Amino acid sequence: MNNTANGSLPLILRLILPFTLAILLITVPVYANQDGDVDQQLVERIKAEVIQELRNSDWLQQEIDTGIQNYITTQRETRAKAQADARAEKERSANEKARNARSIEQGRDHIYGNPEASISLIEYSDFECPYCKRFHQTVKNLIDLFDGQVNWVYRHYPLSFHNPGAQKQAEAAECAYEQGGDEAFWRYTDAIYQRTQSGGKGFALDKLSPLAAEFSLDADVFQECLDSNRYSDRVKEDFEDGQQAGITGTPGNILINNLTGQVLAKSGSQPLEAFKQAIEGMLKQDGQSN
């Protein structure tokens, strides 16, 4: 390493040079002038020799390199810890908010799978959300994988920038439920997710009643239900409940252990494996396993 342009020594030299000079001055004979002062020329010569030796020494470069690497490692570790702490705090806060979700209620909520399952996955979803479209099949596969240990609770969360499409599709799913119960609700819901192109206008609103007719529902009765807006407040209740539970986007998911009360927030269209691991951990806490 070279000196800086203004002639100042690198930090490490400034630290070790006084000690080196002190040792040399003790061990090397020095001469005093008539006033008893140490010969300044000798001091300067020794200083120059020490500096030159340090410059030529591989040891100095190795020590500098080691110091730099130690500094970089420390900074990385500090940053990683800060990021981990921030994630942990974010998860803790999300889990705490998720406890505000309305209790699951048979007859009010749409439940796929065993109603008495130990674990419930509550999904706040938007029919026009492309991530919800992708996630829809993932949740079905997850429920089938756990064979009665997990159920799926579907709640509406139509995002404003996907309306009026997402809102009216949610109301349409409730109109399907009105005529055919949960079986009709799930068949209708599956069909919209399969056919929509997402984004707010992915499924034409004038196709909602014809879709109902495909499942042997009365299209005229269905259209009257849709035109009446009678499920508008029902959808709004789900949306507001999601907001209270900390949901800010879709799909917004909450895992609940119905036996222990443990709550985990799991936002976004995460892969099946992420939910599988979380659920297995929750089941272990109450002595169950898949």
Protein backbone atom coordinates (compact mmCIF):
# COMPACT_ATOMS: atom_id res chain seq x y z
CA MET A 1 0.00 0.00 0.00
CA ASN A 2 1.32 3.45 -0.87
CA ASN A 3 1.12 6.60 1.19
CA THR A 4 -1.67 9.02 0.36
CA ALA A 5 -0.90 11.95 -1.90
CA ASN A 6 -0.34 14.38 0.99
CA GLY A 7 2.31 12.15 2.51
CA SER A 8 0.33 10.80 5.45
CA LEU A 9 0.92 7.20 6.46
CA PRO A 10 -1.73 4.46 6.24
CA LEU A 11 -3.58 3.92 9.48
CA ILE A 12 -1.87 0.66 10.31
CA LEU A 13 1.55 2.29 9.94
CA ARG A 14 0.54 5.14 12.20
CA LEU A 15 -0.51 2.59 14.79
CA ILE A 16 2.56 0.38 14.80
CA LEU A 17 5.28 2.88 13.97
CA PRO A 18 5.54 4.42 17.47
CA PHE A 19 5.99 0.99 19.03
CA THR A 20 8.58 -0.02 16.46
CA LEU A 21 10.52 3.18 16.93
CA ALA A 22 10.40 2.82 20.68
CA ILE A 23 11.90 -0.65 20.49
CA LEU A 24 14.59 0.46 18.08
CA LEU A 25 15.48 3.46 20.14
CA ILE A 26 15.92 1.25 23.16
CA THR A 27 18.01 -1.38 21.39
CA VAL A 28 20.04 0.80 18.99
CA PRO A 29 22.79 3.05 20.38
CA VAL A 30 21.89 6.68 19.94
CA TYR A 31 23.90 9.80 20.38
CA ALA A 32 22.97 12.92 22.28
CA ASN A 33 24.05 16.39 21.54
CA GLN A 34 25.49 18.69 24.13
CA ASP A 35 22.06 19.55 25.43
CA GLY A 36 21.29 15.87 26.01
CA ASP A 37 18.74 15.53 23.17
CA VAL A 38 18.59 12.41 21.02
CA ASP A 39 20.19 12.85 17.62
CA GLN A 40 17.22 13.80 15.42
CA GLN A 41 18.96 12.63 12.28
CA LEU A 42 19.32 9.16 13.73
CA VAL A 43 15.66 9.10 14.65
CA GLU A 44 14.66 10.16 11.15
CA ARG A 45 16.96 7.56 9.61
CA ILE A 46 15.53 4.81 11.77
CA LYS A 47 12.02 5.99 10.99
CA ALA A 48 12.73 5.92 7.25
CA GLU A 49 14.26 2.45 7.48
CA VAL A 50 11.26 1.13 9.41
CA ILE A 51 8.83 2.62 6.93
CA GLN A 52 10.76 1.18 4.00
CA GLU A 53 10.91 -2.23 5.64
CA LEU A 54 7.21 -2.21 6.28
CA ARG A 55 6.50 -1.19 2.72
CA ASN A 56 8.62 -4.06 1.40
CA SER A 57 7.20 -6.60 3.83
CA ASP A 58 4.54 -9.15 2.75
CA TRP A 59 3.51 -9.31 6.38
CA LEU A 60 2.19 -5.76 6.28
CA GLN A 61 0.11 -6.43 3.17
CA GLN A 62 -1.22 -9.65 4.67
CA GLU A 63 -2.21 -7.84 7.85
CA ILE A 64 -3.96 -5.14 5.87
CA ASP A 65 -5.78 -7.73 3.74
CA THR A 66 -6.80 -9.64 6.85
CA GLY A 67 -8.08 -6.47 8.47
CA ILE A 68 -10.11 -5.58 5.40
CA GLN A 69 -11.60 -9.07 5.18
CA ASN A 70 -12.46 -9.04 8.87
CA TYR A 71 -14.14 -5.68 8.45
CA ILE A 72 -16.16 -6.89 5.45
CA THR A 73 -17.18 -10.06 7.28
CA THR A 74 -18.26 -8.09 10.34
CA GLN A 75 -20.30 -5.71 8.22
CA ARG A 76 -21.99 -8.58 6.39
CA GLU A 77 -22.83 -10.35 9.63
CA THR A 78 -24.18 -7.15 11.15
CA ARG A 79 -26.32 -6.44 8.09
CA ALA A 80 -27.58 -10.03 7.95
CA LYS A 81 -28.54 -9.93 11.62
CA ALA A 82 -30.34 -6.61 11.17
CA GLN A 83 -32.26 -8.01 8.20
CA ALA A 84 -33.14 -11.19 10.11
CA ASP A 85 -34.33 -9.15 13.09
CA ALA A 86 -36.45 -6.97 10.79
CA ARG A 87 -38.04 -10.05 9.18
CA ALA A 88 -38.74 -11.59 12.55
CA GLU A 89 -40.40 -8.39 13.77
CA LYS A 90 -42.45 -8.14 10.59
CA GLU A 91 -43.62 -11.74 10.99
CA ARG A 92 -44.43 -11.20 14.66
CA SER A 93 -46.47 -8.11 13.85
CA ALA A 94 -48.28 -9.87 10.99
CA ASN A 95 -49.13 -12.86 13.18
CA GLU A 96 -50.44 -10.55 15.90
CA LYS A 97 -52.69 -8.70 13.46
CA ALA A 98 -53.90 -11.99 11.98
CA ARG A 99 -55.47 -12.83 15.34
CA ASN A 100 -58.05 -10.16 14.56
CA ALA A 101 -59.56 -12.28 11.81
CA ARG A 102 -63.18 -13.21 12.41
CA SER A 103 -63.68 -16.67 13.88
CA ILE A 104 -64.53 -19.37 11.34
CA GLU A 105 -68.26 -20.00 11.24
CA GLN A 106 -69.86 -22.91 9.45
CA GLY A 107 -72.83 -21.72 7.41
CA ARG A 108 -71.27 -18.28 7.06
CA ASP A 109 -67.86 -19.20 5.72
CA HIS A 110 -67.19 -21.31 2.64
CA ILE A 111 -65.17 -24.28 3.84
CA TYR A 112 -63.43 -26.73 1.52
CA GLY A 113 -62.43 -30.00 3.14
CA ASN A 114 -63.10 -31.38 6.61
CA PRO A 115 -65.00 -28.75 8.64
CA GLU A 116 -63.53 -30.26 11.82
CA ALA A 117 -59.92 -30.19 10.63
CA SER A 118 -57.18 -29.27 13.10
CA ILE A 119 -55.74 -26.59 10.81
CA SER A 120 -57.61 -23.99 8.79
CA LEU A 121 -56.16 -21.94 5.97
CA ILE A 122 -58.16 -18.74 5.59
CA GLU A 123 -57.60 -17.15 2.19
CA TYR A 124 -58.64 -13.59 1.40
CA SER A 125 -58.86 -13.65 -2.38
CA ASP A 126 -59.64 -11.59 -5.47
CA PHE A 127 -61.10 -13.29 -8.55
CA GLU A 128 -59.17 -10.94 -10.85
CA CYS A 129 -55.82 -11.34 -9.10
CA PRO A 130 -53.36 -13.33 -11.26
CA TYR A 131 -51.57 -14.60 -8.16
CA CYS A 132 -54.85 -15.83 -6.69
CA LYS A 133 -55.57 -17.62 -9.96
CA ARG A 134 -52.24 -19.45 -9.68
CA PHE A 135 -52.65 -20.10 -5.96
CA HIS A 136 -56.17 -21.54 -6.24
CA GLN A 137 -55.00 -24.96 -7.38
CA THR A 138 -52.10 -24.92 -4.93
CA VAL A 139 -54.51 -24.69 -1.99
CA LYS A 140 -56.65 -27.53 -3.33
CA ASN A 141 -53.58 -29.72 -3.65
CA LEU A 142 -52.56 -28.77 -0.12
CA ILE A 143 -55.94 -29.77 1.34
CA ASP A 144 -55.85 -33.10 -0.49
CA LEU A 145 -52.28 -33.70 0.68
CA PHE A 146 -53.19 -33.49 4.37
CA ASP A 147 -56.21 -35.76 4.02
CA GLY A 148 -58.67 -34.22 6.48
CA GLN A 149 -56.19 -32.46 8.76
CA VAL A 150 -56.49 -29.10 6.98
CA ASN A 151 -59.44 -27.19 5.56
CA TRP A 152 -59.67 -24.09 3.38
CA VAL A 153 -61.81 -21.09 4.24
CA TYR A 154 -62.44 -18.77 1.30
CA ARG A 155 -63.14 -15.08 1.94
CA HIS A 156 -63.56 -12.26 -0.54
CA TYR A 157 -61.01 -9.46 -0.87
CA PRO A 158 -61.68 -7.66 -4.18
CA LEU A 159 -58.99 -5.05 -4.71
CA SER A 160 -60.23 -1.63 -5.80
CA PHE A 161 -58.14 -1.54 -8.97
CA HIS A 162 -59.75 -4.83 -10.08
CA ASN A 163 -63.29 -3.50 -9.68
CA PRO A 164 -66.03 -3.64 -10.75
CA GLY A 165 -65.01 -7.05 -12.09
CA ALA A 166 -63.65 -8.60 -8.89
CA GLN A 167 -66.50 -7.24 -6.76
CA LYS A 168 -69.26 -8.53 -9.07
CA GLN A 169 -67.58 -11.90 -9.48
CA ALA A 170 -67.47 -12.25 -5.69
CA GLU A 171 -71.17 -11.39 -5.53
CA ALA A 172 -71.83 -13.89 -8.32
CA ALA A 173 -70.13 -16.66 -6.31
CA GLU A 174 -72.50 -15.85 -3.44
CA CYS A 175 -75.47 -16.00 -5.84
CA ALA A 176 -74.28 -19.47 -6.87
CA TYR A 177 -74.16 -20.43 -3.20
CA GLU A 178 -77.70 -19.13 -2.73
CA GLN A 179 -79.02 -21.60 -5.31
CA GLY A 180 -76.75 -24.57 -4.82
CA GLY A 181 -74.93 -24.31 -1.50
CA ASP A 182 -71.20 -24.82 -1.04
CA GLU A 183 -70.98 -27.35 -3.86
CA ALA A 184 -72.24 -24.75 -6.33
CA PHE A 185 -70.05 -22.07 -4.75
CA TRP A 186 -66.87 -24.08 -5.19
CA ARG A 187 -67.69 -25.23 -8.72
CA TYR A 188 -68.48 -21.66 -9.76
CA THR A 189 -65.39 -20.30 -8.06
CA ASP A 190 -63.17 -22.91 -9.70
CA ALA A 191 -64.62 -22.07 -13.11
CA ILE A 192 -63.98 -18.33 -12.81
CA TYR A 193 -60.37 -18.86 -11.77
CA GLN A 194 -59.87 -21.30 -14.63
CA ARG A 195 -61.31 -18.94 -17.25
CA THR A 196 -60.43 -15.43 -16.17
CA GLN A 197 -57.49 -13.68 -17.79
CA SER A 198 -57.14 -11.62 -14.60
CA GLY A 199 -56.26 -7.95 -14.25
CA GLY A 200 -59.74 -6.51 -13.64
CA LYS A 201 -61.41 -7.36 -16.94
CA GLY A 202 -60.41 -10.98 -17.24
CA PHE A 203 -63.94 -12.37 -17.24
CA ALA A 204 -66.80 -10.44 -18.82
CA LEU A 205 -69.60 -9.58 -16.42
CA ASP A 206 -72.26 -10.51 -18.97
CA LYS A 207 -70.89 -14.06 -18.89
CA LEU A 208 -71.55 -14.58 -15.17
CA SER A 209 -75.15 -15.77 -15.57
CA PRO A 210 -74.42 -18.06 -18.54
CA LEU A 211 -71.64 -19.60 -16.45
CA ALA A 212 -74.16 -20.33 -13.69
CA ALA A 213 -76.40 -22.09 -16.22
CA GLU A 214 -73.53 -24.43 -17.08
CA PHE A 215 -73.85 -25.81 -13.54
CA SER A 216 -77.62 -26.27 -13.81
CA LEU A 217 -78.41 -23.12 -11.86
CA ASP A 218 -81.38 -21.01 -12.92
CA ALA A 219 -79.83 -18.23 -15.01
CA ASP A 220 -82.78 -15.86 -14.58
CA VAL A 221 -82.84 -16.26 -10.81
CA PHE A 222 -79.07 -15.89 -10.80
CA GLN A 223 -79.22 -12.66 -12.82
CA GLU A 224 -81.86 -11.23 -10.51
CA CYS A 225 -79.62 -12.00 -7.56
CA LEU A 226 -76.68 -10.34 -9.24
CA ASP A 227 -78.66 -7.24 -10.28
CA SER A 228 -80.05 -6.79 -6.78
CA ASN A 229 -76.55 -6.33 -5.27
CA ARG A 230 -77.82 -8.15 -2.19
CA TYR A 231 -74.46 -9.75 -1.54
CA SER A 232 -72.53 -6.52 -1.88
CA ASP A 233 -72.44 -6.02 1.89
CA ARG A 234 -71.53 -9.68 2.42
CA VAL A 235 -68.44 -9.21 0.24
CA LYS A 236 -67.66 -5.91 1.95
CA GLU A 237 -67.75 -7.63 5.36
CA ASP A 238 -65.11 -10.11 4.23
CA PHE A 239 -62.96 -7.29 2.88
CA GLU A 240 -63.16 -5.25 6.08
CA ASP A 241 -62.46 -8.33 8.15
CA GLY A 242 -59.33 -8.91 6.09
CA GLN A 243 -58.21 -5.36 6.69
CA GLN A 244 -58.60 -5.85 10.44
CA ALA A 245 -56.47 -8.98 10.14
CA GLY A 246 -53.67 -7.08 8.44
CA ILE A 247 -54.37 -8.19 4.87
CA THR A 248 -53.04 -5.65 2.36
CA GLY A 249 -52.84 -7.72 -0.83
CA THR A 250 -53.98 -10.97 -2.36
CA PRO A 251 -53.84 -13.78 -1.79
CA GLY A 252 -53.73 -12.98 1.91
CA ASN A 253 -53.48 -16.17 3.95
CA ILE A 254 -53.79 -17.03 7.61
CA LEU A 255 -53.09 -20.46 9.10
CA ILE A 256 -54.94 -21.24 12.31
CA ASN A 257 -54.44 -24.22 14.59
CA ASN A 258 -57.97 -24.80 15.82
CA LEU A 259 -56.68 -26.88 18.75
CA THR A 260 -53.90 -24.68 20.11
CA GLY A 261 -54.95 -21.26 18.82
CA GLN A 262 -51.64 -20.69 17.06
CA VAL A 263 -51.91 -18.20 14.19
CA LEU A 264 -49.48 -17.72 11.29
CA ALA A 265 -49.81 -15.10 8.56
CA LYS A 266 -48.60 -16.31 5.15
CA SER A 267 -48.97 -13.61 2.51
CA GLY A 268 -48.79 -14.15 -1.22
CA SER A 269 -48.89 -17.05 -3.63
CA GLN A 270 -46.20 -19.08 -1.91
CA PRO A 271 -45.38 -22.59 -3.15
CA LEU A 272 -47.07 -25.64 -1.68
CA GLU A 273 -43.88 -26.68 0.12
CA ALA A 274 -43.82 -23.45 2.16
CA PHE A 275 -47.33 -24.12 3.47
CA LYS A 276 -46.61 -27.81 3.94
CA GLN A 277 -43.67 -27.06 6.23
CA ALA A 278 -45.64 -24.49 8.22
CA ILE A 279 -48.60 -26.83 8.68
CA GLU A 280 -46.41 -29.77 9.68
CA GLY A 281 -44.83 -27.57 12.34
CA MET A 282 -48.25 -26.59 13.67
CA LEU A 283 -49.44 -30.20 13.74
CA LYS A 284 -46.37 -31.26 15.70
CA GLN A 285 -47.21 -28.74 18.39
CA ASP A 286 -50.48 -30.49 19.13
CA GLY A 287 -49.03 -33.98 18.82
CA GLN A 288 -50.23 -34.75 15.30
CA SER A 289 -48.27 -35.51 12.17
CA ASN A 290 -49.12 -36.09 8.56
